[in-house]
Amino acid sequence: MEATPFAIDLPEHWTGSFKLTQTPAGSYVGMASLSFGGDPRWVLVITPQLSLDAAMERVRLRVGHFVRERNARPGA
């Protein structure tokens, strides 16, 4: 299983690392680790996706939604 790192754009104060791995069955799974203000805070699990493109899009959607929700909360 080979890991595929990649980058996505995040708002100011947010950083992240993202890693996708192809399973022996051919699907892609992974994790998105997010930090706010330099402090590691959250890890999002990416469930199996049929293609690398689908997995990358899933990460973008999940992270984007998570960041928007956190930024909408007071004190986020």
PDB file of N, CA and C in Angstrom:
ATOM      1  N   MET A   1       0.844  -1.179   0.000  1.00  0.00           N
ATOM      2  CA  MET A   1       0.000   0.000   0.000  1.00  0.00           C
ATOM      3  C   MET A   1       0.887   1.240   0.000  1.00  0.00           C
ATOM      4  N   GLU A   2       0.718   2.050  -0.980  1.00  0.00           N
ATOM      5  CA  GLU A   2       1.519   3.256  -1.120  1.00  0.00           C
ATOM      6  C   GLU A   2       0.691   4.478  -0.760  1.00  0.00           C
ATOM      7  N   ALA A   3       1.256   5.354   0.081  1.00  0.00           N
ATOM      8  CA  ALA A   3       0.550   6.563   0.510  1.00  0.00           C
ATOM      9  C   ALA A   3       0.730   7.663  -0.528  1.00  0.00           C
ATOM     10  N   THR A   4      -0.301   8.460  -0.722  1.00  0.00           N
ATOM     11  CA  THR A   4      -0.275   9.573  -1.658  1.00  0.00           C
ATOM     12  C   THR A   4      -0.543  10.865  -0.903  1.00  0.00           C
ATOM     13  N   PRO A   5       0.509  11.651  -0.597  1.00  0.00           N
ATOM     14  CA  PRO A   5       0.266  12.936   0.058  1.00  0.00           C
ATOM     15  C   PRO A   5      -0.187  13.975  -0.977  1.00  0.00           C
ATOM     16  N   PHE A   6      -0.976  14.941  -0.546  1.00  0.00           N
ATOM     17  CA  PHE A   6      -1.379  16.029  -1.427  1.00  0.00           C
ATOM     18  C   PHE A   6      -1.771  17.226  -0.584  1.00  0.00           C
ATOM     19  N   ALA A   7      -1.938  18.364  -1.220  1.00  0.00           N
ATOM     20  CA  ALA A   7      -2.251  19.602  -0.500  1.00  0.00           C
ATOM     21  C   ALA A   7      -3.569  20.184  -1.001  1.00  0.00           C
ATOM     22  N   ILE A   8      -4.261  20.880  -0.107  1.00  0.00           N
ATOM     23  CA  ILE A   8      -5.448  21.639  -0.488  1.00  0.00           C
ATOM     24  C   ILE A   8      -5.357  23.011   0.167  1.00  0.00           C
ATOM     25  N   ASP A   9      -6.098  23.957  -0.379  1.00  0.00           N
ATOM     26  CA  ASP A   9      -6.109  25.306   0.180  1.00  0.00           C
ATOM     27  C   ASP A   9      -6.963  25.332   1.439  1.00  0.00           C
ATOM     28  N   LEU A  10      -6.428  25.990   2.472  1.00  0.00           N
ATOM     29  CA  LEU A  10      -7.150  26.157   3.734  1.00  0.00           C
ATOM     30  C   LEU A  10      -7.158  27.631   4.112  1.00  0.00           C
ATOM     31  N   PRO A  11      -8.182  28.069   4.847  1.00  0.00           N
ATOM     32  CA  PRO A  11      -8.237  29.458   5.295  1.00  0.00           C
ATOM     33  C   PRO A  11      -7.080  29.785   6.248  1.00  0.00           C
ATOM     34  N   GLU A  12      -6.895  31.071   6.472  1.00  0.00           N
ATOM     35  CA  GLU A  12      -5.860  31.545   7.383  1.00  0.00           C
ATOM     36  C   GLU A  12      -6.001  30.879   8.750  1.00  0.00           C
ATOM     37  N   HIS A  13      -4.878  30.562   9.361  1.00  0.00           N
ATOM     38  CA  HIS A  13      -4.764  29.921  10.676  1.00  0.00           C
ATOM     39  C   HIS A  13      -4.975  28.411  10.643  1.00  0.00           C
ATOM     40  N   TRP A  14      -5.435  27.860   9.530  1.00  0.00           N
ATOM     41  CA  TRP A  14      -5.648  26.420   9.417  1.00  0.00           C
ATOM     42  C   TRP A  14      -4.485  25.793   8.661  1.00  0.00           C
ATOM     43  N   THR A  15      -4.032  24.640   9.120  1.00  0.00           N
ATOM     44  CA  THR A  15      -3.048  23.840   8.391  1.00  0.00           C
ATOM     45  C   THR A  15      -3.506  22.388   8.450  1.00  0.00           C
ATOM     46  N   GLY A  16      -2.981  21.604   7.557  1.00  0.00           N
ATOM     47  CA  GLY A  16      -3.374  20.205   7.558  1.00  0.00           C
ATOM     48  C   GLY A  16      -2.402  19.337   6.804  1.00  0.00           C
ATOM     49  N   SER A  17      -2.459  18.070   7.105  1.00  0.00           N
ATOM     50  CA  SER A  17      -1.731  17.082   6.325  1.00  0.00           C
ATOM     51  C   SER A  17      -2.736  16.006   5.935  1.00  0.00           C
ATOM     52  N   PHE A  18      -2.580  15.516   4.740  1.00  0.00           N
ATOM     53  CA  PHE A  18      -3.561  14.618   4.169  1.00  0.00           C
ATOM     54  C   PHE A  18      -2.827  13.447   3.548  1.00  0.00           C
ATOM     55  N   LYS A  19      -3.288  12.248   3.861  1.00  0.00           N
ATOM     56  CA  LYS A  19      -2.636  11.066   3.319  1.00  0.00           C
ATOM     57  C   LYS A  19      -3.687  10.059   2.887  1.00  0.00           C
ATOM     58  N   LEU A  20      -3.557   9.607   1.644  1.00  0.00           N
ATOM     59  CA  LEU A  20      -4.441   8.590   1.104  1.00  0.00           C
ATOM     60  C   LEU A  20      -3.618   7.358   0.773  1.00  0.00           C
ATOM     61  N   THR A  21      -4.192   6.203   1.008  1.00  0.00           N
ATOM     62  CA  THR A  21      -3.506   4.936   0.761  1.00  0.00           C
ATOM     63  C   THR A  21      -4.410   4.025  -0.053  1.00  0.00           C
ATOM     64  N   GLN A  22      -3.813   3.365  -1.031  1.00  0.00           N
ATOM     65  CA  GLN A  22      -4.581   2.396  -1.811  1.00  0.00           C
ATOM     66  C   GLN A  22      -4.567   1.053  -1.083  1.00  0.00           C
ATOM     67  N   THR A  23      -5.739   0.484  -0.899  1.00  0.00           N
ATOM     68  CA  THR A  23      -5.861  -0.799  -0.215  1.00  0.00           C
ATOM     69  C   THR A  23      -5.555  -1.937  -1.195  1.00  0.00           C
ATOM     70  N   PRO A  24      -5.322  -3.138  -0.681  1.00  0.00           N
ATOM     71  CA  PRO A  24      -5.117  -4.280  -1.579  1.00  0.00           C
ATOM     72  C   PRO A  24      -6.308  -4.518  -2.523  1.00  0.00           C
ATOM     73  N   ALA A  25      -7.504  -4.120  -2.093  1.00  0.00           N
ATOM     74  CA  ALA A  25      -8.697  -4.279  -2.937  1.00  0.00           C
ATOM     75  C   ALA A  25      -8.791  -3.207  -4.018  1.00  0.00           C
ATOM     76  N   GLY A  26      -7.911  -2.191  -3.962  1.00  0.00           N
ATOM     77  CA  GLY A  26      -7.893  -1.156  -4.986  1.00  0.00           C
ATOM     78  C   GLY A  26      -8.600   0.134  -4.623  1.00  0.00           C
ATOM     79  N   SER A  27      -9.302   0.168  -3.514  1.00  0.00           N
ATOM     80  CA  SER A  27      -9.950   1.414  -3.098  1.00  0.00           C
ATOM     81  C   SER A  27      -8.940   2.291  -2.361  1.00  0.00           C
ATOM     82  N   TYR A  28      -9.338   3.522  -2.083  1.00  0.00           N
ATOM     83  CA  TYR A  28      -8.461   4.478  -1.402  1.00  0.00           C
ATOM     84  C   TYR A  28      -9.093   4.892  -0.081  1.00  0.00           C
ATOM     85  N   VAL A  29      -8.287   4.890   0.969  1.00  0.00           N
ATOM     86  CA  VAL A  29      -8.706   5.321   2.302  1.00  0.00           C
ATOM     87  C   VAL A  29      -7.668   6.310   2.805  1.00  0.00           C
ATOM     88  N   GLY A  30      -7.993   7.032   3.877  1.00  0.00           N
ATOM     89  CA  GLY A  30      -6.995   7.961   4.375  1.00  0.00           C
ATOM     90  C   GLY A  30      -7.430   8.730   5.595  1.00  0.00           C
ATOM     91  N   MET A  31      -6.580   9.714   5.910  1.00  0.00           N
ATOM     92  CA  MET A  31      -6.814  10.580   7.056  1.00  0.00           C
ATOM     93  C   MET A  31      -6.445  12.007   6.677  1.00  0.00           C
ATOM     94  N   ALA A  32      -7.167  12.931   7.276  1.00  0.00           N
ATOM     95  CA  ALA A  32      -6.875  14.356   7.149  1.00  0.00           C
ATOM     96  C   ALA A  32      -6.655  14.880   8.563  1.00  0.00           C
ATOM     97  N   SER A  33      -5.433  15.274   8.868  1.00  0.00           N
ATOM     98  CA  SER A  33      -5.109  15.833  10.185  1.00  0.00           C
ATOM     99  C   SER A  33      -5.133  17.341  10.075  1.00  0.00           C
ATOM    100  N   LEU A  34      -5.925  17.995  10.926  1.00  0.00           N
ATOM    101  CA  LEU A  34      -6.095  19.449  10.863  1.00  0.00           C
ATOM    102  C   LEU A  34      -5.587  20.120  12.122  1.00  0.00           C
ATOM    103  N   SER A  35      -4.983  21.279  11.917  1.00  0.00           N
ATOM    104  CA  SER A  35      -4.500  22.105  13.021  1.00  0.00           C
ATOM    105  C   SER A  35      -5.080  23.499  12.867  1.00  0.00           C
ATOM    106  N   PHE A  36      -5.294  24.143  13.994  1.00  0.00           N
ATOM    107  CA  PHE A  36      -5.766  25.529  13.990  1.00  0.00           C
ATOM    108  C   PHE A  36      -4.822  26.337  14.860  1.00  0.00           C
ATOM    109  N   GLY A  37      -4.262  27.396  14.288  1.00  0.00           N
ATOM    110  CA  GLY A  37      -3.319  28.226  15.035  1.00  0.00           C
ATOM    111  C   GLY A  37      -2.068  27.469  15.451  1.00  0.00           C
ATOM    112  N   GLY A  38      -1.704  26.452  14.690  1.00  0.00           N
ATOM    113  CA  GLY A  38      -0.499  25.694  14.990  1.00  0.00           C
ATOM    114  C   GLY A  38      -0.692  24.533  15.950  1.00  0.00           C
ATOM    115  N   ASP A  39      -1.878  24.425  16.539  1.00  0.00           N
ATOM    116  CA  ASP A  39      -2.159  23.336  17.479  1.00  0.00           C
ATOM    117  C   ASP A  39      -2.892  22.207  16.769  1.00  0.00           C
ATOM    118  N   PRO A  40      -2.319  20.998  16.762  1.00  0.00           N
ATOM    119  CA  PRO A  40      -3.036  19.865  16.164  1.00  0.00           C
ATOM    120  C   PRO A  40      -4.327  19.608  16.944  1.00  0.00           C
ATOM    121  N   ARG A  41      -5.430  19.467  16.225  1.00  0.00           N
ATOM    122  CA  ARG A  41      -6.703  19.351  16.924  1.00  0.00           C
ATOM    123  C   ARG A  41      -7.591  18.215  16.465  1.00  0.00           C
ATOM    124  N   TRP A  42      -7.667  17.942  15.166  1.00  0.00           N
ATOM    125  CA  TRP A  42      -8.659  16.994  14.664  1.00  0.00           C
ATOM    126  C   TRP A  42      -8.071  16.068  13.610  1.00  0.00           C
ATOM    127  N   VAL A  43      -8.647  14.885  13.528  1.00  0.00           N
ATOM    128  CA  VAL A  43      -8.319  13.941  12.460  1.00  0.00           C
ATOM    129  C   VAL A  43      -9.640  13.461  11.860  1.00  0.00           C
ATOM    130  N   LEU A  44      -9.759  13.624  10.560  1.00  0.00           N
ATOM    131  CA  LEU A  44     -10.944  13.143   9.848  1.00  0.00           C
ATOM    132  C   LEU A  44     -10.561  11.862   9.102  1.00  0.00           C
ATOM    133  N   VAL A  45     -11.381  10.853   9.211  1.00  0.00           N
ATOM    134  CA  VAL A  45     -11.136   9.583   8.529  1.00  0.00           C
ATOM    135  C   VAL A  45     -11.855   9.605   7.179  1.00  0.00           C
ATOM    136  N   ILE A  46     -11.138   9.198   6.145  1.00  0.00           N
ATOM    137  CA  ILE A  46     -11.715   9.134   4.808  1.00  0.00           C
ATOM    138  C   ILE A  46     -12.047   7.674   4.518  1.00  0.00           C
ATOM    139  N   THR A  47     -13.326   7.390   4.378  1.00  0.00           N
ATOM    140  CA  THR A  47     -13.787   6.023   4.138  1.00  0.00           C
ATOM    141  C   THR A  47     -13.422   5.585   2.713  1.00  0.00           C
ATOM    142  N   PRO A  48     -13.469   4.290   2.438  1.00  0.00           N
ATOM    143  CA  PRO A  48     -13.046   3.790   1.120  1.00  0.00           C
ATOM    144  C   PRO A  48     -13.758   4.473  -0.046  1.00  0.00           C
ATOM    145  N   GLN A  49     -12.942   4.862  -1.013  1.00  0.00           N
ATOM    146  CA  GLN A  49     -13.438   5.475  -2.245  1.00  0.00           C
ATOM    147  C   GLN A  49     -12.903   4.653  -3.415  1.00  0.00           C
ATOM    148  N   LEU A  50     -13.653   4.612  -4.507  1.00  0.00           N
ATOM    149  CA  LEU A  50     -13.292   3.740  -5.626  1.00  0.00           C
ATOM    150  C   LEU A  50     -12.089   4.203  -6.440  1.00  0.00           C
ATOM    151  N   SER A  51     -11.793   5.503  -6.412  1.00  0.00           N
ATOM    152  CA  SER A  51     -10.662   6.009  -7.194  1.00  0.00           C
ATOM    153  C   SER A  51      -9.902   7.052  -6.382  1.00  0.00           C
ATOM    154  N   LEU A  52      -8.685   7.325  -6.813  1.00  0.00           N
ATOM    155  CA  LEU A  52      -7.882   8.351  -6.156  1.00  0.00           C
ATOM    156  C   LEU A  52      -8.553   9.717  -6.298  1.00  0.00           C
ATOM    157  N   ASP A  53      -9.073  10.017  -7.475  1.00  0.00           N
ATOM    158  CA  ASP A  53      -9.761  11.300  -7.673  1.00  0.00           C
ATOM    159  C   ASP A  53     -10.959  11.441  -6.736  1.00  0.00           C
ATOM    160  N   ALA A  54     -11.724  10.367  -6.583  1.00  0.00           N
ATOM    161  CA  ALA A  54     -12.883  10.402  -5.678  1.00  0.00           C
ATOM    162  C   ALA A  54     -12.429  10.603  -4.237  1.00  0.00           C
ATOM    163  N   ALA A  55     -11.344   9.958  -3.849  1.00  0.00           N
ATOM    164  CA  ALA A  55     -10.827  10.101  -2.485  1.00  0.00           C
ATOM    165  C   ALA A  55     -10.339  11.524  -2.235  1.00  0.00           C
ATOM    166  N   MET A  56      -9.637  12.107  -3.209  1.00  0.00           N
ATOM    167  CA  MET A  56      -9.154  13.477  -3.053  1.00  0.00           C
ATOM    168  C   MET A  56     -10.330  14.452  -2.954  1.00  0.00           C
ATOM    169  N   GLU A  57     -11.348  14.229  -3.753  1.00  0.00           N
ATOM    170  CA  GLU A  57     -12.531  15.095  -3.689  1.00  0.00           C
ATOM    171  C   GLU A  57     -13.242  14.933  -2.346  1.00  0.00           C
ATOM    172  N   ARG A  58     -13.305  13.713  -1.829  1.00  0.00           N
ATOM    173  CA  ARG A  58     -13.919  13.469  -0.528  1.00  0.00           C
ATOM    174  C   ARG A  58     -13.180  14.234   0.568  1.00  0.00           C
ATOM    175  N   VAL A  59     -11.843  14.222   0.515  1.00  0.00           N
ATOM    176  CA  VAL A  59     -11.053  14.978   1.495  1.00  0.00           C
ATOM    177  C   VAL A  59     -11.380  16.458   1.389  1.00  0.00           C
ATOM    178  N   ARG A  60     -11.382  16.997   0.177  1.00  0.00           N
ATOM    179  CA  ARG A  60     -11.683  18.423  -0.002  1.00  0.00           C
ATOM    180  C   ARG A  60     -13.062  18.770   0.558  1.00  0.00           C
ATOM    181  N   LEU A  61     -14.054  17.939   0.265  1.00  0.00           N
ATOM    182  CA  LEU A  61     -15.408  18.208   0.748  1.00  0.00           C
ATOM    183  C   LEU A  61     -15.495  18.117   2.268  1.00  0.00           C
ATOM    184  N   ARG A  62     -14.945  17.057   2.845  1.00  0.00           N
ATOM    185  CA  ARG A  62     -15.023  16.859   4.306  1.00  0.00           C
ATOM    186  C   ARG A  62     -14.279  17.964   5.048  1.00  0.00           C
ATOM    187  N   VAL A  63     -13.063  18.273   4.584  1.00  0.00           N
ATOM    188  CA  VAL A  63     -12.273  19.312   5.248  1.00  0.00           C
ATOM    189  C   VAL A  63     -12.940  20.668   5.088  1.00  0.00           C
ATOM    190  N   GLY A  64     -13.403  20.972   3.886  1.00  0.00           N
ATOM    191  CA  GLY A  64     -14.075  22.249   3.654  1.00  0.00           C
ATOM    192  C   GLY A  64     -15.298  22.417   4.540  1.00  0.00           C
ATOM    193  N   HIS A  65     -16.105  21.380   4.630  1.00  0.00           N
ATOM    194  CA  HIS A  65     -17.294  21.432   5.482  1.00  0.00           C
ATOM    195  C   HIS A  65     -16.899  21.593   6.956  1.00  0.00           C
ATOM    196  N   PHE A  66     -15.917  20.822   7.394  1.00  0.00           N
ATOM    197  CA  PHE A  66     -15.484  20.879   8.790  1.00  0.00           C
ATOM    198  C   PHE A  66     -14.964  22.274   9.145  1.00  0.00           C
ATOM    199  N   VAL A  67     -14.119  22.842   8.294  1.00  0.00           N
ATOM    200  CA  VAL A  67     -13.542  24.165   8.554  1.00  0.00           C
ATOM    201  C   VAL A  67     -14.638  25.229   8.583  1.00  0.00           C
ATOM    202  N   ARG A  68     -15.578  25.166   7.637  1.00  0.00           N
ATOM    203  CA  ARG A  68     -16.684  26.146   7.631  1.00  0.00           C
ATOM    204  C   ARG A  68     -17.492  26.052   8.919  1.00  0.00           C
ATOM    205  N   GLU A  69     -17.805  24.844   9.364  1.00  0.00           N
ATOM    206  CA  GLU A  69     -18.571  24.675  10.597  1.00  0.00           C
ATOM    207  C   GLU A  69     -17.808  25.192  11.806  1.00  0.00           C
ATOM    208  N   ARG A  70     -16.524  24.898  11.886  1.00  0.00           N
ATOM    209  CA  ARG A  70     -15.707  25.361  13.019  1.00  0.00           C
ATOM    210  C   ARG A  70     -15.575  26.876  13.003  1.00  0.00           C
ATOM    211  N   ASN A  71     -15.412  27.471  11.837  1.00  0.00           N
ATOM    212  CA  ASN A  71     -15.270  28.921  11.748  1.00  0.00           C
ATOM    213  C   ASN A  71     -16.581  29.634  12.068  1.00  0.00           C
ATOM    214  N   ALA A  72     -17.705  28.967  11.888  1.00  0.00           N
ATOM    215  CA  ALA A  72     -19.009  29.574  12.167  1.00  0.00           C
ATOM    216  C   ALA A  72     -19.310  29.602  13.675  1.00  0.00           C
ATOM    217  N   ARG A  73     -18.579  28.811  14.448  1.00  0.00           N
ATOM    218  CA  ARG A  73     -18.810  28.763  15.899  1.00  0.00           C
ATOM    219  C   ARG A  73     -17.986  29.832  16.610  1.00  0.00           C
ATOM    220  N   PRO A  74     -18.546  30.469  17.600  1.00  0.00           N
ATOM    221  CA  PRO A  74     -17.771  31.426  18.378  1.00  0.00           C
ATOM    222  C   PRO A  74     -16.602  30.732  19.077  1.00  0.00           C
ATOM    223  N   GLY A  75     -15.459  31.352  19.054  1.00  0.00           N
ATOM    224  CA  GLY A  75     -14.279  30.800  19.736  1.00  0.00           C
ATOM    225  C   GLY A  75     -13.616  29.668  18.975  1.00  0.00           C
ATOM    226  N   ALA A  76     -13.965  29.470  17.710  1.00  0.00           N
ATOM    227  CA  ALA A  76     -13.380  28.375  16.930  1.00  0.00           C
ATOM    228  C   ALA A  76     -11.938  28.628  16.610  1.00  0.00           C
TER     229      ALA A  76
END
